[in-house]
Amino acid sequence: MENLRRSSKFLSLILRHRPETIGLSLDPNGWAEVSELIVKLRQHAHPLDFQDLKIIVETSDKQRFAFSEDFKKIRANQGHSVKVDLGLLPVTPPEWLFHGTATQNIASIKASGLHRAERHHVHLSPDENTALQVGGRHGKAVVLKIHAGEMQRAGFVFFKSENGVWLTEEVPVQFIEFG
């Protein structure tokens, strides 16, 4: 199981940020051919077969990956730093969303809000527990409450990825509760 966890992290690197690490090509929508991925992973000392990939996709607590309907392609659901078009359509968010971060980031967020940095979007969670888990990955977690409904009414656009993560380009300070 530990090997699959490490493989999942490596897949995140490849499918979200650096496919060139193993010489993999992503199509404009972020999809990679499963057969090509398996070959390239083996060539780079990460031997996975289709069943391993299937277990990673099905058991990932964060549901980071998805297969195409015919299982011939795989991609990350969100979080890319490489240019991809996930084909997400704008949706109306709930009134409140949440963002988990580490305490050391609070001063910067209070000064300038939340920004997507190297990624395509700011990631928001539908509930406080999920946000707490996300924030805890990088230190002592803090959960910020986001006035998503108010943002949308002010013209900000929201998307929802296949795994339930809410996405937007930025969250200005006036829409964040630091309570």
N, C-alpha and C. Protein backbone atom coordinates (compact mmCIF):
# COMPACT_ATOMS: atom_id res chain seq x y z
N MET A 1 0.83 -1.20 0.00
CA MET A 1 0.00 0.00 0.00
C MET A 1 0.87 1.26 0.00
N GLU A 2 1.99 1.21 0.72
CA GLU A 2 2.91 2.35 0.75
C GLU A 2 3.46 2.63 -0.65
N ASN A 3 3.73 1.56 -1.41
CA ASN A 3 4.20 1.74 -2.79
C ASN A 3 3.15 2.43 -3.64
N LEU A 4 1.89 2.07 -3.45
CA LEU A 4 0.82 2.71 -4.23
C LEU A 4 0.67 4.18 -3.83
N ARG A 5 0.88 4.49 -2.56
CA ARG A 5 0.80 5.89 -2.12
C ARG A 5 1.92 6.70 -2.78
N ARG A 6 3.13 6.14 -2.80
CA ARG A 6 4.25 6.83 -3.47
C ARG A 6 3.99 6.95 -4.97
N SER A 7 3.44 5.92 -5.54
CA SER A 7 3.11 5.96 -6.97
C SER A 7 2.05 7.01 -7.27
N SER A 8 1.07 7.15 -6.37
CA SER A 8 0.04 8.17 -6.53
C SER A 8 0.65 9.57 -6.52
N LYS A 9 1.58 9.80 -5.63
CA LYS A 9 2.26 11.11 -5.57
C LYS A 9 3.06 11.35 -6.85
N PHE A 10 3.72 10.31 -7.34
CA PHE A 10 4.49 10.45 -8.57
C PHE A 10 3.55 10.72 -9.76
N LEU A 11 2.41 10.04 -9.79
CA LEU A 11 1.42 10.31 -10.83
C LEU A 11 0.94 11.76 -10.79
N SER A 12 0.77 12.30 -9.58
CA SER A 12 0.38 13.71 -9.46
C SER A 12 1.42 14.60 -10.10
N LEU A 13 2.68 14.32 -9.83
CA LEU A 13 3.75 15.10 -10.43
C LEU A 13 3.68 15.02 -11.95
N ILE A 14 3.53 13.83 -12.47
CA ILE A 14 3.54 13.61 -13.92
C ILE A 14 2.30 14.19 -14.59
N LEU A 15 1.11 13.90 -14.07
CA LEU A 15 -0.13 14.28 -14.73
C LEU A 15 -0.58 15.71 -14.44
N ARG A 16 0.04 16.37 -13.44
CA ARG A 16 -0.36 17.74 -13.10
C ARG A 16 0.72 18.77 -13.43
N HIS A 17 1.97 18.37 -13.31
CA HIS A 17 3.03 19.37 -13.36
C HIS A 17 4.15 19.12 -14.38
N ARG A 18 4.66 17.88 -14.43
CA ARG A 18 5.85 17.65 -15.24
C ARG A 18 5.80 16.35 -16.03
N PRO A 19 4.92 16.26 -17.01
CA PRO A 19 4.86 15.03 -17.81
C PRO A 19 6.17 14.74 -18.54
N GLU A 20 6.92 15.80 -18.83
CA GLU A 20 8.19 15.62 -19.54
C GLU A 20 9.22 14.85 -18.73
N THR A 21 9.02 14.73 -17.42
CA THR A 21 9.92 13.98 -16.55
C THR A 21 10.10 12.56 -17.06
N ILE A 22 9.04 11.99 -17.61
CA ILE A 22 9.13 10.63 -18.15
C ILE A 22 8.89 10.61 -19.66
N GLY A 23 8.88 11.78 -20.27
CA GLY A 23 8.67 11.85 -21.72
C GLY A 23 7.24 11.59 -22.14
N LEU A 24 6.29 11.89 -21.28
CA LEU A 24 4.87 11.66 -21.55
C LEU A 24 4.25 12.88 -22.21
N SER A 25 3.31 12.64 -23.09
CA SER A 25 2.56 13.73 -23.73
C SER A 25 1.13 13.75 -23.18
N LEU A 26 0.67 14.94 -22.83
CA LEU A 26 -0.73 15.14 -22.45
C LEU A 26 -1.43 15.81 -23.61
N ASP A 27 -2.69 15.45 -23.86
CA ASP A 27 -3.43 16.14 -24.92
C ASP A 27 -3.90 17.49 -24.36
N PRO A 28 -4.52 18.35 -25.17
CA PRO A 28 -4.92 19.68 -24.69
C PRO A 28 -5.86 19.67 -23.48
N ASN A 29 -6.55 18.56 -23.25
CA ASN A 29 -7.46 18.44 -22.11
C ASN A 29 -6.84 17.72 -20.92
N GLY A 30 -5.53 17.49 -20.97
CA GLY A 30 -4.82 16.87 -19.86
C GLY A 30 -4.81 15.36 -19.84
N TRP A 31 -5.36 14.72 -20.86
CA TRP A 31 -5.42 13.26 -20.90
C TRP A 31 -4.10 12.68 -21.40
N ALA A 32 -3.71 11.55 -20.81
CA ALA A 32 -2.57 10.76 -21.28
C ALA A 32 -3.08 9.38 -21.66
N GLU A 33 -2.49 8.81 -22.67
CA GLU A 33 -2.83 7.43 -23.05
C GLU A 33 -2.34 6.50 -21.94
N VAL A 34 -3.21 5.64 -21.42
CA VAL A 34 -2.85 4.72 -20.34
C VAL A 34 -1.71 3.81 -20.77
N SER A 35 -1.78 3.27 -21.98
CA SER A 35 -0.73 2.36 -22.44
C SER A 35 0.63 3.06 -22.51
N GLU A 36 0.65 4.31 -22.98
CA GLU A 36 1.90 5.07 -23.05
C GLU A 36 2.41 5.37 -21.64
N LEU A 37 1.50 5.73 -20.73
CA LEU A 37 1.88 6.02 -19.36
C LEU A 37 2.54 4.81 -18.70
N ILE A 38 1.95 3.64 -18.86
CA ILE A 38 2.50 2.42 -18.26
C ILE A 38 3.89 2.14 -18.78
N VAL A 39 4.09 2.26 -20.08
CA VAL A 39 5.42 2.03 -20.69
C VAL A 39 6.43 3.04 -20.14
N LYS A 40 6.05 4.31 -20.13
CA LYS A 40 6.97 5.37 -19.68
C LYS A 40 7.30 5.22 -18.19
N LEU A 41 6.32 4.85 -17.38
CA LEU A 41 6.57 4.64 -15.96
C LEU A 41 7.58 3.51 -15.75
N ARG A 42 7.41 2.42 -16.48
CA ARG A 42 8.35 1.28 -16.37
C ARG A 42 9.76 1.71 -16.78
N GLN A 43 9.86 2.50 -17.84
CA GLN A 43 11.17 2.96 -18.32
C GLN A 43 11.86 3.85 -17.30
N HIS A 44 11.10 4.43 -16.38
CA HIS A 44 11.66 5.34 -15.39
C HIS A 44 11.54 4.79 -13.96
N ALA A 45 11.66 3.48 -13.84
CA ALA A 45 11.72 2.79 -12.54
C ALA A 45 10.48 2.97 -11.67
N HIS A 46 9.32 3.11 -12.30
CA HIS A 46 8.05 3.17 -11.57
C HIS A 46 7.09 2.17 -12.21
N PRO A 47 7.39 0.88 -12.07
CA PRO A 47 6.57 -0.13 -12.75
C PRO A 47 5.16 -0.24 -12.17
N LEU A 48 4.19 0.19 -12.96
CA LEU A 48 2.78 0.04 -12.61
C LEU A 48 2.09 -0.62 -13.78
N ASP A 49 1.10 -1.45 -13.49
CA ASP A 49 0.28 -2.00 -14.57
C ASP A 49 -1.10 -1.36 -14.48
N PHE A 50 -1.98 -1.77 -15.37
CA PHE A 50 -3.32 -1.17 -15.41
C PHE A 50 -4.05 -1.36 -14.09
N GLN A 51 -3.93 -2.55 -13.48
CA GLN A 51 -4.62 -2.81 -12.22
C GLN A 51 -4.13 -1.89 -11.11
N ASP A 52 -2.81 -1.62 -11.09
CA ASP A 52 -2.26 -0.68 -10.11
C ASP A 52 -2.87 0.71 -10.31
N LEU A 53 -2.92 1.15 -11.56
CA LEU A 53 -3.50 2.47 -11.86
C LEU A 53 -4.97 2.52 -11.42
N LYS A 54 -5.68 1.44 -11.71
CA LYS A 54 -7.09 1.39 -11.35
C LYS A 54 -7.27 1.48 -9.83
N ILE A 55 -6.43 0.79 -9.08
CA ILE A 55 -6.50 0.85 -7.61
C ILE A 55 -6.21 2.28 -7.14
N ILE A 56 -5.20 2.92 -7.71
CA ILE A 56 -4.86 4.29 -7.33
C ILE A 56 -6.03 5.23 -7.60
N VAL A 57 -6.62 5.13 -8.77
CA VAL A 57 -7.75 6.00 -9.12
C VAL A 57 -8.93 5.76 -8.19
N GLU A 58 -9.24 4.50 -7.92
CA GLU A 58 -10.43 4.16 -7.13
C GLU A 58 -10.26 4.41 -5.64
N THR A 59 -9.04 4.31 -5.12
CA THR A 59 -8.85 4.40 -3.67
C THR A 59 -8.25 5.71 -3.20
N SER A 60 -7.91 6.60 -4.12
CA SER A 60 -7.34 7.88 -3.72
C SER A 60 -8.35 8.65 -2.89
N ASP A 61 -7.97 8.99 -1.65
CA ASP A 61 -8.89 9.72 -0.78
C ASP A 61 -9.25 11.08 -1.35
N LYS A 62 -8.37 11.65 -2.14
CA LYS A 62 -8.62 12.96 -2.73
C LYS A 62 -9.20 12.87 -4.14
N GLN A 63 -9.35 11.65 -4.65
CA GLN A 63 -9.90 11.44 -5.99
C GLN A 63 -9.20 12.35 -7.01
N ARG A 64 -7.88 12.27 -7.04
CA ARG A 64 -7.08 13.16 -7.89
C ARG A 64 -7.15 12.82 -9.37
N PHE A 65 -7.47 11.58 -9.70
CA PHE A 65 -7.37 11.13 -11.09
C PHE A 65 -8.69 10.57 -11.60
N ALA A 66 -8.80 10.54 -12.93
CA ALA A 66 -9.99 9.95 -13.56
C ALA A 66 -9.57 9.24 -14.83
N PHE A 67 -10.27 8.18 -15.13
CA PHE A 67 -10.12 7.49 -16.41
C PHE A 67 -11.18 8.02 -17.38
N SER A 68 -10.88 7.94 -18.66
CA SER A 68 -11.91 8.18 -19.67
C SER A 68 -12.91 7.02 -19.59
N GLU A 69 -14.05 7.19 -20.22
CA GLU A 69 -15.09 6.16 -20.13
C GLU A 69 -14.62 4.80 -20.63
N ASP A 70 -13.73 4.79 -21.63
CA ASP A 70 -13.23 3.53 -22.18
C ASP A 70 -11.96 3.04 -21.50
N PHE A 71 -11.50 3.73 -20.47
CA PHE A 71 -10.31 3.39 -19.69
C PHE A 71 -9.01 3.44 -20.50
N LYS A 72 -9.04 4.09 -21.65
CA LYS A 72 -7.82 4.18 -22.46
C LYS A 72 -7.00 5.42 -22.14
N LYS A 73 -7.61 6.37 -21.42
CA LYS A 73 -6.91 7.60 -21.05
C LYS A 73 -7.08 7.85 -19.56
N ILE A 74 -6.14 8.63 -19.01
CA ILE A 74 -6.17 9.01 -17.60
C ILE A 74 -5.71 10.46 -17.49
N ARG A 75 -6.24 11.17 -16.50
CA ARG A 75 -5.79 12.53 -16.25
C ARG A 75 -6.00 12.89 -14.79
N ALA A 76 -5.35 13.97 -14.39
CA ALA A 76 -5.58 14.54 -13.06
C ALA A 76 -6.86 15.37 -13.15
N ASN A 77 -7.63 15.38 -12.08
CA ASN A 77 -8.91 16.11 -12.08
C ASN A 77 -8.75 17.62 -11.98
N GLN A 78 -7.69 18.08 -11.32
CA GLN A 78 -7.42 19.51 -11.19
C GLN A 78 -6.04 19.66 -10.59
N GLY A 79 -5.61 20.93 -10.43
CA GLY A 79 -4.33 21.20 -9.78
C GLY A 79 -3.16 21.31 -10.71
N HIS A 80 -3.42 21.41 -11.99
CA HIS A 80 -2.35 21.47 -12.98
C HIS A 80 -1.57 22.78 -12.93
N SER A 81 -0.28 22.67 -13.17
CA SER A 81 0.53 23.86 -13.44
C SER A 81 0.90 23.90 -14.92
N VAL A 82 0.69 22.79 -15.64
CA VAL A 82 0.87 22.78 -17.09
C VAL A 82 -0.43 23.23 -17.74
N LYS A 83 -0.32 23.78 -18.92
CA LYS A 83 -1.51 24.30 -19.62
C LYS A 83 -2.39 23.16 -20.11
N VAL A 84 -3.60 23.10 -19.56
CA VAL A 84 -4.61 22.13 -20.00
C VAL A 84 -5.98 22.80 -19.90
N ASP A 85 -6.90 22.30 -20.68
CA ASP A 85 -8.29 22.75 -20.61
C ASP A 85 -9.12 21.56 -20.17
N LEU A 86 -9.56 21.58 -18.92
CA LEU A 86 -10.32 20.46 -18.38
C LEU A 86 -11.77 20.44 -18.86
N GLY A 87 -12.16 21.46 -19.61
CA GLY A 87 -13.52 21.48 -20.14
C GLY A 87 -14.58 21.70 -19.08
N LEU A 88 -14.21 22.33 -17.98
CA LEU A 88 -15.17 22.57 -16.90
C LEU A 88 -16.06 23.75 -17.27
N LEU A 89 -17.32 23.62 -16.95
CA LEU A 89 -18.28 24.69 -17.20
C LEU A 89 -18.54 25.47 -15.91
N PRO A 90 -18.78 26.77 -16.01
CA PRO A 90 -19.08 27.56 -14.81
C PRO A 90 -20.34 27.03 -14.12
N VAL A 91 -20.29 27.00 -12.79
CA VAL A 91 -21.43 26.56 -11.99
C VAL A 91 -21.62 27.52 -10.82
N THR A 92 -22.83 27.58 -10.32
CA THR A 92 -23.14 28.42 -9.16
C THR A 92 -22.67 27.70 -7.90
N PRO A 93 -21.82 28.36 -7.11
CA PRO A 93 -21.32 27.70 -5.89
C PRO A 93 -22.34 27.81 -4.76
N PRO A 94 -22.11 27.05 -3.71
CA PRO A 94 -22.92 27.26 -2.51
C PRO A 94 -22.57 28.62 -1.90
N GLU A 95 -23.34 29.06 -0.98
CA GLU A 95 -23.10 30.37 -0.36
C GLU A 95 -21.72 30.43 0.30
N TRP A 96 -21.30 29.32 0.91
CA TRP A 96 -20.02 29.27 1.61
C TRP A 96 -19.16 28.14 1.08
N LEU A 97 -17.88 28.41 0.92
CA LEU A 97 -16.88 27.39 0.64
C LEU A 97 -15.75 27.61 1.64
N PHE A 98 -14.79 26.71 1.66
CA PHE A 98 -13.73 26.78 2.66
C PHE A 98 -12.36 26.56 2.01
N HIS A 99 -11.36 27.16 2.62
CA HIS A 99 -9.99 27.00 2.13
C HIS A 99 -9.11 26.64 3.31
N GLY A 100 -8.42 25.51 3.20
CA GLY A 100 -7.49 25.10 4.24
C GLY A 100 -6.09 25.54 3.89
N THR A 101 -5.40 26.09 4.86
CA THR A 101 -4.02 26.54 4.66
C THR A 101 -3.27 26.36 5.97
N ALA A 102 -1.98 26.62 5.94
CA ALA A 102 -1.16 26.54 7.15
C ALA A 102 -1.07 27.93 7.78
N THR A 103 -0.90 27.97 9.08
CA THR A 103 -0.87 29.24 9.81
C THR A 103 0.18 30.21 9.26
N GLN A 104 1.30 29.69 8.77
CA GLN A 104 2.35 30.59 8.27
C GLN A 104 1.94 31.35 7.01
N ASN A 105 0.83 30.98 6.39
CA ASN A 105 0.37 31.66 5.17
C ASN A 105 -0.64 32.78 5.45
N ILE A 106 -1.12 32.87 6.68
CA ILE A 106 -2.21 33.80 7.00
C ILE A 106 -1.85 35.26 6.74
N ALA A 107 -0.68 35.71 7.14
CA ALA A 107 -0.30 37.12 6.94
C ALA A 107 -0.34 37.49 5.46
N SER A 108 0.19 36.64 4.62
CA SER A 108 0.19 36.89 3.18
C SER A 108 -1.23 36.92 2.62
N ILE A 109 -2.08 36.00 3.08
CA ILE A 109 -3.46 35.95 2.60
C ILE A 109 -4.22 37.19 3.06
N LYS A 110 -3.99 37.63 4.30
CA LYS A 110 -4.65 38.85 4.79
C LYS A 110 -4.22 40.07 3.98
N ALA A 111 -3.00 40.05 3.48
CA ALA A 111 -2.48 41.18 2.71
C ALA A 111 -3.00 41.19 1.27
N SER A 112 -3.12 40.01 0.65
CA SER A 112 -3.45 40.02 -0.77
C SER A 112 -4.49 38.99 -1.22
N GLY A 113 -5.12 38.27 -0.31
CA GLY A 113 -6.13 37.29 -0.69
C GLY A 113 -5.51 35.98 -1.15
N LEU A 114 -6.33 35.15 -1.77
CA LEU A 114 -5.87 33.86 -2.28
C LEU A 114 -5.65 33.96 -3.79
N HIS A 115 -4.50 33.48 -4.22
CA HIS A 115 -4.15 33.51 -5.65
C HIS A 115 -3.77 32.12 -6.12
N ARG A 116 -3.95 31.87 -7.38
CA ARG A 116 -3.71 30.54 -7.92
C ARG A 116 -2.23 30.19 -8.03
N ALA A 117 -1.35 31.16 -7.92
CA ALA A 117 0.10 30.96 -8.01
C ALA A 117 0.45 30.25 -9.32
N GLU A 118 1.09 29.10 -9.25
CA GLU A 118 1.52 28.38 -10.45
C GLU A 118 0.39 27.53 -11.05
N ARG A 119 -0.70 27.39 -10.34
CA ARG A 119 -1.78 26.52 -10.79
C ARG A 119 -2.81 27.30 -11.60
N HIS A 120 -3.77 26.58 -12.13
CA HIS A 120 -4.83 27.20 -12.93
C HIS A 120 -5.87 27.91 -12.08
N HIS A 121 -6.07 27.41 -10.85
CA HIS A 121 -7.14 27.92 -10.00
C HIS A 121 -6.77 27.85 -8.52
N VAL A 122 -7.49 28.62 -7.72
CA VAL A 122 -7.49 28.47 -6.26
C VAL A 122 -8.43 27.30 -5.97
N HIS A 123 -8.03 26.43 -5.06
CA HIS A 123 -8.84 25.26 -4.71
C HIS A 123 -9.61 25.54 -3.44
N LEU A 124 -10.91 25.27 -3.47
CA LEU A 124 -11.78 25.48 -2.32
C LEU A 124 -12.52 24.18 -2.00
N SER A 125 -12.81 23.98 -0.74
CA SER A 125 -13.47 22.76 -0.28
C SER A 125 -14.93 23.04 0.05
N PRO A 126 -15.77 22.02 -0.10
CA PRO A 126 -17.20 22.21 0.20
C PRO A 126 -17.52 22.17 1.69
N ASP A 127 -16.56 21.70 2.52
CA ASP A 127 -16.82 21.61 3.95
C ASP A 127 -15.54 21.88 4.74
N GLU A 128 -15.73 22.20 6.02
CA GLU A 128 -14.61 22.57 6.88
C GLU A 128 -13.65 21.41 7.14
N ASN A 129 -14.18 20.19 7.28
CA ASN A 129 -13.32 19.05 7.56
C ASN A 129 -12.33 18.78 6.43
N THR A 130 -12.82 18.85 5.20
CA THR A 130 -11.93 18.65 4.06
C THR A 130 -10.87 19.74 4.02
N ALA A 131 -11.29 20.99 4.23
CA ALA A 131 -10.35 22.11 4.24
C ALA A 131 -9.30 21.93 5.34
N LEU A 132 -9.69 21.42 6.49
CA LEU A 132 -8.77 21.20 7.59
C LEU A 132 -7.71 20.16 7.20
N GLN A 133 -8.13 19.10 6.53
CA GLN A 133 -7.18 18.08 6.06
C GLN A 133 -6.21 18.67 5.05
N VAL A 134 -6.72 19.46 4.12
CA VAL A 134 -5.86 20.08 3.11
C VAL A 134 -4.85 21.00 3.78
N GLY A 135 -5.30 21.84 4.69
CA GLY A 135 -4.42 22.79 5.35
C GLY A 135 -3.36 22.12 6.21
N GLY A 136 -3.68 20.95 6.75
CA GLY A 136 -2.76 20.24 7.61
C GLY A 136 -1.59 19.59 6.90
N ARG A 137 -1.61 19.58 5.59
CA ARG A 137 -0.50 18.97 4.83
C ARG A 137 0.78 19.79 4.92
N HIS A 138 0.67 21.07 5.26
CA HIS A 138 1.84 21.95 5.22
C HIS A 138 2.13 22.63 6.55
N GLY A 139 1.58 22.13 7.63
CA GLY A 139 1.80 22.73 8.94
C GLY A 139 0.51 22.76 9.73
N LYS A 140 0.49 23.61 10.75
CA LYS A 140 -0.72 23.74 11.58
C LYS A 140 -1.83 24.35 10.73
N ALA A 141 -2.95 23.64 10.63
CA ALA A 141 -4.02 24.02 9.71
C ALA A 141 -4.91 25.14 10.25
N VAL A 142 -5.34 25.97 9.32
CA VAL A 142 -6.32 27.02 9.57
C VAL A 142 -7.36 26.90 8.46
N VAL A 143 -8.62 27.05 8.81
CA VAL A 143 -9.68 27.01 7.80
C VAL A 143 -10.25 28.40 7.62
N LEU A 144 -10.26 28.85 6.38
CA LEU A 144 -10.83 30.16 6.03
C LEU A 144 -12.21 29.94 5.43
N LYS A 145 -13.15 30.79 5.80
CA LYS A 145 -14.51 30.71 5.28
C LYS A 145 -14.62 31.70 4.12
N ILE A 146 -15.05 31.21 2.97
CA ILE A 146 -15.10 32.01 1.75
C ILE A 146 -16.55 32.34 1.41
N HIS A 147 -16.84 33.61 1.19
CA HIS A 147 -18.17 34.08 0.78
C HIS A 147 -18.35 33.82 -0.72
N ALA A 148 -18.49 32.55 -1.07
CA ALA A 148 -18.54 32.16 -2.48
C ALA A 148 -19.78 32.70 -3.19
N GLY A 149 -20.92 32.64 -2.56
CA GLY A 149 -22.14 33.16 -3.19
C GLY A 149 -22.03 34.65 -3.49
N GLU A 150 -21.50 35.40 -2.54
CA GLU A 150 -21.30 36.82 -2.73
C GLU A 150 -20.29 37.09 -3.85
N MET A 151 -19.23 36.28 -3.88
CA MET A 151 -18.23 36.43 -4.96
C MET A 151 -18.88 36.22 -6.33
N GLN A 152 -19.68 35.17 -6.43
CA GLN A 152 -20.32 34.86 -7.71
C GLN A 152 -21.25 35.98 -8.15
N ARG A 153 -21.99 36.53 -7.20
CA ARG A 153 -22.88 37.65 -7.52
C ARG A 153 -22.09 38.89 -7.93
N ALA A 154 -20.83 38.99 -7.49
CA ALA A 154 -19.96 40.10 -7.86
C ALA A 154 -19.23 39.85 -9.18
N GLY A 155 -19.51 38.69 -9.81
CA GLY A 155 -18.93 38.43 -11.12
C GLY A 155 -17.81 37.42 -11.19
N PHE A 156 -17.43 36.83 -10.07
CA PHE A 156 -16.39 35.81 -10.08
C PHE A 156 -16.97 34.50 -10.58
N VAL A 157 -16.18 33.76 -11.32
CA VAL A 157 -16.62 32.51 -11.93
C VAL A 157 -16.09 31.33 -11.13
N PHE A 158 -16.94 30.34 -10.93
CA PHE A 158 -16.58 29.13 -10.20
C PHE A 158 -16.77 27.91 -11.09
N PHE A 159 -15.94 26.91 -10.84
CA PHE A 159 -16.03 25.61 -11.51
C PHE A 159 -15.99 24.54 -10.44
N LYS A 160 -16.48 23.37 -10.77
CA LYS A 160 -16.41 22.24 -9.84
C LYS A 160 -15.79 21.06 -10.57
N SER A 161 -14.66 20.58 -10.05
CA SER A 161 -13.98 19.46 -10.70
C SER A 161 -14.74 18.16 -10.44
N GLU A 162 -14.34 17.12 -11.16
CA GLU A 162 -15.00 15.83 -11.05
C GLU A 162 -14.96 15.26 -9.64
N ASN A 163 -13.94 15.63 -8.88
CA ASN A 163 -13.82 15.08 -7.53
C ASN A 163 -14.36 16.02 -6.45
N GLY A 164 -15.14 17.03 -6.84
CA GLY A 164 -15.82 17.88 -5.88
C GLY A 164 -15.05 19.08 -5.38
N VAL A 165 -13.86 19.32 -5.91
CA VAL A 165 -13.09 20.50 -5.52
C VAL A 165 -13.63 21.70 -6.28
N TRP A 166 -13.87 22.79 -5.56
CA TRP A 166 -14.34 24.02 -6.19
C TRP A 166 -13.14 24.85 -6.62
N LEU A 167 -13.24 25.47 -7.78
CA LEU A 167 -12.13 26.20 -8.37
C LEU A 167 -12.56 27.61 -8.77
N THR A 168 -11.67 28.57 -8.56
CA THR A 168 -11.86 29.94 -9.01
C THR A 168 -10.48 30.55 -9.20
N GLU A 169 -10.40 31.64 -9.94
CA GLU A 169 -9.08 32.19 -10.25
C GLU A 169 -8.43 32.91 -9.08
N GLU A 170 -9.22 33.53 -8.22
CA GLU A 170 -8.69 34.25 -7.06
C GLU A 170 -9.79 34.45 -6.05
N VAL A 171 -9.40 34.76 -4.82
CA VAL A 171 -10.35 35.12 -3.78
C VAL A 171 -9.80 36.39 -3.10
N PRO A 172 -10.37 37.55 -3.44
CA PRO A 172 -9.93 38.79 -2.79
C PRO A 172 -10.22 38.76 -1.28
N VAL A 173 -9.42 39.51 -0.55
CA VAL A 173 -9.50 39.53 0.91
C VAL A 173 -10.91 39.82 1.42
N GLN A 174 -11.64 40.72 0.77
CA GLN A 174 -12.96 41.10 1.29
C GLN A 174 -13.97 39.95 1.31
N PHE A 175 -13.66 38.84 0.64
CA PHE A 175 -14.56 37.69 0.62
C PHE A 175 -14.10 36.57 1.55
N ILE A 176 -13.11 36.85 2.39
CA ILE A 176 -12.54 35.83 3.28
C ILE A 176 -12.84 36.18 4.74
N GLU A 177 -13.33 35.18 5.49
CA GLU A 177 -13.48 35.30 6.94
C GLU A 177 -12.33 34.53 7.58
N PHE A 178 -11.56 35.22 8.40
CA PHE A 178 -10.39 34.61 9.01
C PHE A 178 -10.67 34.04 10.40
N GLY A 179 -11.91 34.18 10.86
CA GLY A 179 -12.34 33.75 12.19
C GLY A 179 -11.73 32.53 12.67
